[in-house]
Amino acid sequence: MSTKHQEPKDTSKKNGPSPEITPIVEVNGVYYRTAKPPRNYSYALSNYPDDTYKVASGNVTVSASGVVQTTTVTTARIEIYGGNGKLRMVYTVKVL
């Protein structure tokens, strides 16, 4: 299965452009990533079985399956915990 990254083309989708998401950086066993989505946008976070999500700061919502919805947020921090309850990944959201 090939997963080539393609830049979004000029689209007229209702949600606008895709979020810009940085490469994952690992620090002391925790992964960090920054997403820059448009306002009022929803997108799925990295998802492993038994992951749980916590909004540590900011006005975003995260569903049980890891879908983030940006609303009036400008910045937010979302923590993803693995099935063992240990912090696995931190997403920082900076709305464009």
N, C-alpha and C. Protein backbone atom coordinates (compact mmCIF):
# COMPACT_ATOMS: atom_id res chain seq x y z
N MET A 1 0.85 -1.18 0.00
CA MET A 1 0.00 0.00 0.00
C MET A 1 0.89 1.24 0.00
N SER A 2 0.74 2.06 -0.97
CA SER A 2 1.54 3.27 -1.09
C SER A 2 0.78 4.45 -0.50
N THR A 3 1.46 5.23 0.30
CA THR A 3 0.81 6.41 0.90
C THR A 3 1.63 7.65 0.55
N LYS A 4 1.60 8.03 -0.72
CA LYS A 4 2.30 9.23 -1.15
C LYS A 4 1.59 10.45 -0.61
N HIS A 5 2.39 11.41 -0.15
CA HIS A 5 1.81 12.67 0.32
C HIS A 5 1.56 13.56 -0.88
N GLN A 6 0.35 14.05 -0.99
CA GLN A 6 0.03 14.95 -2.08
C GLN A 6 -0.44 16.28 -1.50
N GLU A 7 0.08 17.34 -2.05
CA GLU A 7 -0.37 18.66 -1.64
C GLU A 7 -1.81 18.86 -2.11
N PRO A 8 -2.63 19.52 -1.31
CA PRO A 8 -4.01 19.73 -1.73
C PRO A 8 -4.06 20.61 -2.98
N LYS A 9 -4.90 20.23 -3.88
CA LYS A 9 -5.10 21.02 -5.10
C LYS A 9 -6.10 22.13 -4.78
N ASP A 10 -6.29 23.02 -5.73
CA ASP A 10 -7.28 24.08 -5.57
C ASP A 10 -8.66 23.44 -5.56
N THR A 11 -9.22 23.32 -4.39
CA THR A 11 -10.52 22.67 -4.29
C THR A 11 -11.54 23.67 -3.77
N SER A 12 -12.79 23.36 -4.02
CA SER A 12 -13.86 24.22 -3.51
C SER A 12 -14.68 23.44 -2.49
N LYS A 13 -14.00 22.53 -1.77
CA LYS A 13 -14.69 21.78 -0.73
C LYS A 13 -15.22 22.73 0.34
N LYS A 14 -16.26 22.31 0.99
CA LYS A 14 -16.88 23.13 2.02
C LYS A 14 -15.89 23.43 3.15
N ASN A 15 -15.05 22.45 3.51
CA ASN A 15 -14.16 22.63 4.64
C ASN A 15 -12.86 23.35 4.30
N GLY A 16 -12.62 23.65 3.03
CA GLY A 16 -11.42 24.38 2.67
C GLY A 16 -10.21 23.48 2.58
N PRO A 17 -9.02 24.04 2.73
CA PRO A 17 -7.79 23.27 2.55
C PRO A 17 -7.55 22.27 3.68
N SER A 18 -6.70 21.30 3.40
CA SER A 18 -6.32 20.33 4.42
C SER A 18 -5.43 21.01 5.45
N PRO A 19 -5.42 20.49 6.68
CA PRO A 19 -4.53 21.08 7.68
C PRO A 19 -3.07 20.80 7.34
N GLU A 20 -2.20 21.72 7.71
CA GLU A 20 -0.76 21.48 7.61
C GLU A 20 -0.36 20.75 8.88
N ILE A 21 0.25 19.58 8.74
CA ILE A 21 0.64 18.81 9.92
C ILE A 21 2.14 18.54 9.85
N THR A 22 2.86 18.90 10.92
CA THR A 22 4.31 18.73 10.93
C THR A 22 4.68 17.27 11.10
N PRO A 23 5.92 16.92 10.77
CA PRO A 23 6.38 15.56 11.06
C PRO A 23 6.38 15.30 12.56
N ILE A 24 6.30 14.04 12.92
CA ILE A 24 6.30 13.66 14.34
C ILE A 24 7.71 13.80 14.90
N VAL A 25 7.81 14.39 16.09
CA VAL A 25 9.07 14.50 16.81
C VAL A 25 8.93 13.71 18.10
N GLU A 26 9.92 12.87 18.42
CA GLU A 26 9.87 12.05 19.63
C GLU A 26 10.81 12.63 20.67
N VAL A 27 10.30 12.86 21.89
CA VAL A 27 11.10 13.36 23.00
C VAL A 27 10.78 12.51 24.22
N ASN A 28 11.77 11.79 24.73
CA ASN A 28 11.61 10.96 25.93
C ASN A 28 10.40 10.02 25.84
N GLY A 29 10.22 9.40 24.68
CA GLY A 29 9.15 8.42 24.53
C GLY A 29 7.78 8.99 24.24
N VAL A 30 7.65 10.31 24.17
CA VAL A 30 6.38 10.96 23.84
C VAL A 30 6.54 11.62 22.47
N TYR A 31 5.53 11.46 21.63
CA TYR A 31 5.58 12.03 20.29
C TYR A 31 4.85 13.36 20.26
N TYR A 32 5.40 14.31 19.51
CA TYR A 32 4.82 15.65 19.40
C TYR A 32 4.57 15.97 17.93
N ARG A 33 3.46 16.65 17.70
CA ARG A 33 3.11 17.02 16.34
C ARG A 33 2.27 18.29 16.41
N THR A 34 2.40 19.16 15.41
CA THR A 34 1.61 20.39 15.34
C THR A 34 0.75 20.35 14.09
N ALA A 35 -0.51 20.71 14.25
CA ALA A 35 -1.43 20.80 13.12
C ALA A 35 -1.89 22.25 12.99
N LYS A 36 -1.97 22.72 11.75
CA LYS A 36 -2.46 24.08 11.47
C LYS A 36 -3.68 23.97 10.56
N PRO A 37 -4.84 23.69 11.16
CA PRO A 37 -6.06 23.57 10.35
C PRO A 37 -6.79 24.91 10.25
N PRO A 38 -7.70 25.01 9.29
CA PRO A 38 -8.58 26.18 9.23
C PRO A 38 -9.58 26.15 10.39
N ARG A 39 -10.19 27.29 10.66
CA ARG A 39 -11.26 27.35 11.67
C ARG A 39 -12.47 26.55 11.19
N ASN A 40 -13.22 26.02 12.14
CA ASN A 40 -14.42 25.21 11.83
C ASN A 40 -14.09 24.04 10.91
N TYR A 41 -13.07 23.30 11.27
CA TYR A 41 -12.58 22.19 10.47
C TYR A 41 -12.52 20.95 11.35
N SER A 42 -12.76 19.79 10.77
CA SER A 42 -12.60 18.57 11.54
C SER A 42 -11.63 17.64 10.81
N TYR A 43 -10.81 16.94 11.58
CA TYR A 43 -9.87 15.99 11.00
C TYR A 43 -9.53 14.94 12.05
N ALA A 44 -9.05 13.80 11.59
CA ALA A 44 -8.77 12.67 12.49
C ALA A 44 -7.32 12.69 12.95
N LEU A 45 -7.14 12.43 14.23
CA LEU A 45 -5.80 12.30 14.80
C LEU A 45 -5.27 10.89 14.56
N SER A 46 -3.98 10.70 14.82
CA SER A 46 -3.41 9.36 14.79
C SER A 46 -4.19 8.50 15.76
N ASN A 47 -4.54 7.30 15.34
CA ASN A 47 -5.44 6.48 16.15
C ASN A 47 -4.93 5.06 16.24
N TYR A 48 -4.69 4.60 17.45
CA TYR A 48 -4.35 3.21 17.72
C TYR A 48 -5.44 2.62 18.60
N PRO A 49 -5.61 1.30 18.58
CA PRO A 49 -6.63 0.69 19.44
C PRO A 49 -6.40 1.09 20.90
N ASP A 50 -7.49 1.38 21.59
CA ASP A 50 -7.48 1.73 23.02
C ASP A 50 -6.93 3.12 23.32
N ASP A 51 -6.65 3.95 22.30
CA ASP A 51 -6.24 5.32 22.57
C ASP A 51 -7.38 6.08 23.23
N THR A 52 -7.03 6.98 24.13
CA THR A 52 -7.99 7.93 24.68
C THR A 52 -7.43 9.33 24.48
N TYR A 53 -8.33 10.31 24.42
CA TYR A 53 -7.96 11.67 24.06
C TYR A 53 -8.39 12.63 25.16
N LYS A 54 -7.53 13.62 25.42
CA LYS A 54 -7.85 14.63 26.43
C LYS A 54 -7.48 15.99 25.86
N VAL A 55 -8.42 16.93 25.93
CA VAL A 55 -8.12 18.30 25.54
C VAL A 55 -7.49 18.97 26.76
N ALA A 56 -6.18 19.21 26.68
CA ALA A 56 -5.46 19.80 27.81
C ALA A 56 -5.67 21.31 27.87
N SER A 57 -5.85 21.95 26.72
CA SER A 57 -6.15 23.39 26.69
C SER A 57 -6.74 23.74 25.34
N GLY A 58 -7.49 24.82 25.32
CA GLY A 58 -8.06 25.30 24.06
C GLY A 58 -9.51 24.87 23.89
N ASN A 59 -10.17 25.52 22.96
CA ASN A 59 -11.59 25.28 22.71
C ASN A 59 -11.75 24.41 21.47
N VAL A 60 -11.43 23.12 21.61
CA VAL A 60 -11.65 22.14 20.55
C VAL A 60 -12.40 20.98 21.17
N THR A 61 -13.02 20.18 20.33
CA THR A 61 -13.64 18.95 20.82
C THR A 61 -12.94 17.79 20.13
N VAL A 62 -12.85 16.66 20.84
CA VAL A 62 -12.26 15.45 20.29
C VAL A 62 -13.23 14.31 20.57
N SER A 63 -13.62 13.59 19.51
CA SER A 63 -14.53 12.46 19.69
C SER A 63 -13.76 11.27 20.26
N ALA A 64 -14.48 10.25 20.69
CA ALA A 64 -13.86 9.04 21.23
C ALA A 64 -12.99 8.35 20.18
N SER A 65 -13.29 8.58 18.89
CA SER A 65 -12.50 7.95 17.83
C SER A 65 -11.35 8.84 17.36
N GLY A 66 -11.18 10.01 18.00
CA GLY A 66 -10.04 10.87 17.69
C GLY A 66 -10.25 11.89 16.60
N VAL A 67 -11.50 12.31 16.39
CA VAL A 67 -11.76 13.35 15.39
C VAL A 67 -11.83 14.70 16.11
N VAL A 68 -10.96 15.61 15.68
CA VAL A 68 -10.90 16.95 16.27
C VAL A 68 -11.80 17.88 15.49
N GLN A 69 -12.54 18.72 16.20
CA GLN A 69 -13.35 19.77 15.57
C GLN A 69 -12.87 21.11 16.10
N THR A 70 -12.34 21.96 15.21
CA THR A 70 -11.94 23.30 15.63
C THR A 70 -13.15 24.21 15.52
N THR A 71 -13.31 25.07 16.49
CA THR A 71 -14.43 26.00 16.46
C THR A 71 -13.89 27.42 16.54
N THR A 72 -13.93 28.02 17.71
CA THR A 72 -13.43 29.38 17.86
C THR A 72 -12.00 29.39 18.40
N VAL A 73 -11.35 28.25 18.35
CA VAL A 73 -10.02 28.11 18.92
C VAL A 73 -8.97 28.86 18.10
N THR A 74 -7.93 29.33 18.76
CA THR A 74 -6.74 29.81 18.05
C THR A 74 -5.58 28.85 18.30
N THR A 75 -5.45 28.38 19.55
CA THR A 75 -4.46 27.34 19.84
C THR A 75 -5.07 26.36 20.83
N ALA A 76 -4.62 25.12 20.76
CA ALA A 76 -5.10 24.08 21.67
C ALA A 76 -4.02 23.02 21.81
N ARG A 77 -4.14 22.24 22.88
CA ARG A 77 -3.22 21.12 23.12
C ARG A 77 -4.08 19.89 23.40
N ILE A 78 -3.83 18.84 22.63
CA ILE A 78 -4.58 17.59 22.79
C ILE A 78 -3.58 16.50 23.17
N GLU A 79 -3.89 15.77 24.23
CA GLU A 79 -3.03 14.68 24.68
C GLU A 79 -3.67 13.35 24.30
N ILE A 80 -2.87 12.44 23.76
CA ILE A 80 -3.34 11.11 23.39
C ILE A 80 -2.66 10.11 24.31
N TYR A 81 -3.48 9.31 24.98
CA TYR A 81 -2.97 8.30 25.90
C TYR A 81 -3.17 6.92 25.29
N GLY A 82 -2.14 6.08 25.39
CA GLY A 82 -2.23 4.71 24.89
C GLY A 82 -3.07 3.86 25.81
N GLY A 83 -3.30 2.60 25.41
CA GLY A 83 -4.12 1.68 26.19
C GLY A 83 -3.59 1.43 27.59
N ASN A 84 -2.29 1.66 27.80
CA ASN A 84 -1.70 1.48 29.13
C ASN A 84 -1.87 2.72 30.01
N GLY A 85 -2.55 3.74 29.50
CA GLY A 85 -2.78 4.96 30.27
C GLY A 85 -1.62 5.93 30.23
N LYS A 86 -0.56 5.60 29.51
CA LYS A 86 0.64 6.44 29.42
C LYS A 86 0.50 7.44 28.27
N LEU A 87 0.94 8.68 28.51
CA LEU A 87 0.91 9.71 27.48
C LEU A 87 1.74 9.23 26.28
N ARG A 88 1.11 9.18 25.11
CA ARG A 88 1.76 8.67 23.91
C ARG A 88 2.11 9.79 22.93
N MET A 89 1.20 10.74 22.77
CA MET A 89 1.41 11.80 21.78
C MET A 89 0.73 13.09 22.23
N VAL A 90 1.35 14.21 21.87
CA VAL A 90 0.77 15.53 22.13
C VAL A 90 0.60 16.24 20.81
N TYR A 91 -0.62 16.66 20.52
CA TYR A 91 -0.91 17.48 19.33
C TYR A 91 -1.09 18.92 19.78
N THR A 92 -0.40 19.82 19.12
CA THR A 92 -0.64 21.24 19.31
C THR A 92 -1.40 21.72 18.08
N VAL A 93 -2.51 22.38 18.30
CA VAL A 93 -3.35 22.88 17.20
C VAL A 93 -3.20 24.40 17.15
N LYS A 94 -2.85 24.92 15.99
CA LYS A 94 -2.75 26.37 15.78
C LYS A 94 -3.62 26.71 14.57
N VAL A 95 -4.78 27.25 14.84
CA VAL A 95 -5.74 27.52 13.77
C VAL A 95 -5.24 28.67 12.89
N LEU A 96 -5.34 28.46 11.58
CA LEU A 96 -4.89 29.47 10.61
C LEU A 96 -5.85 30.64 10.55
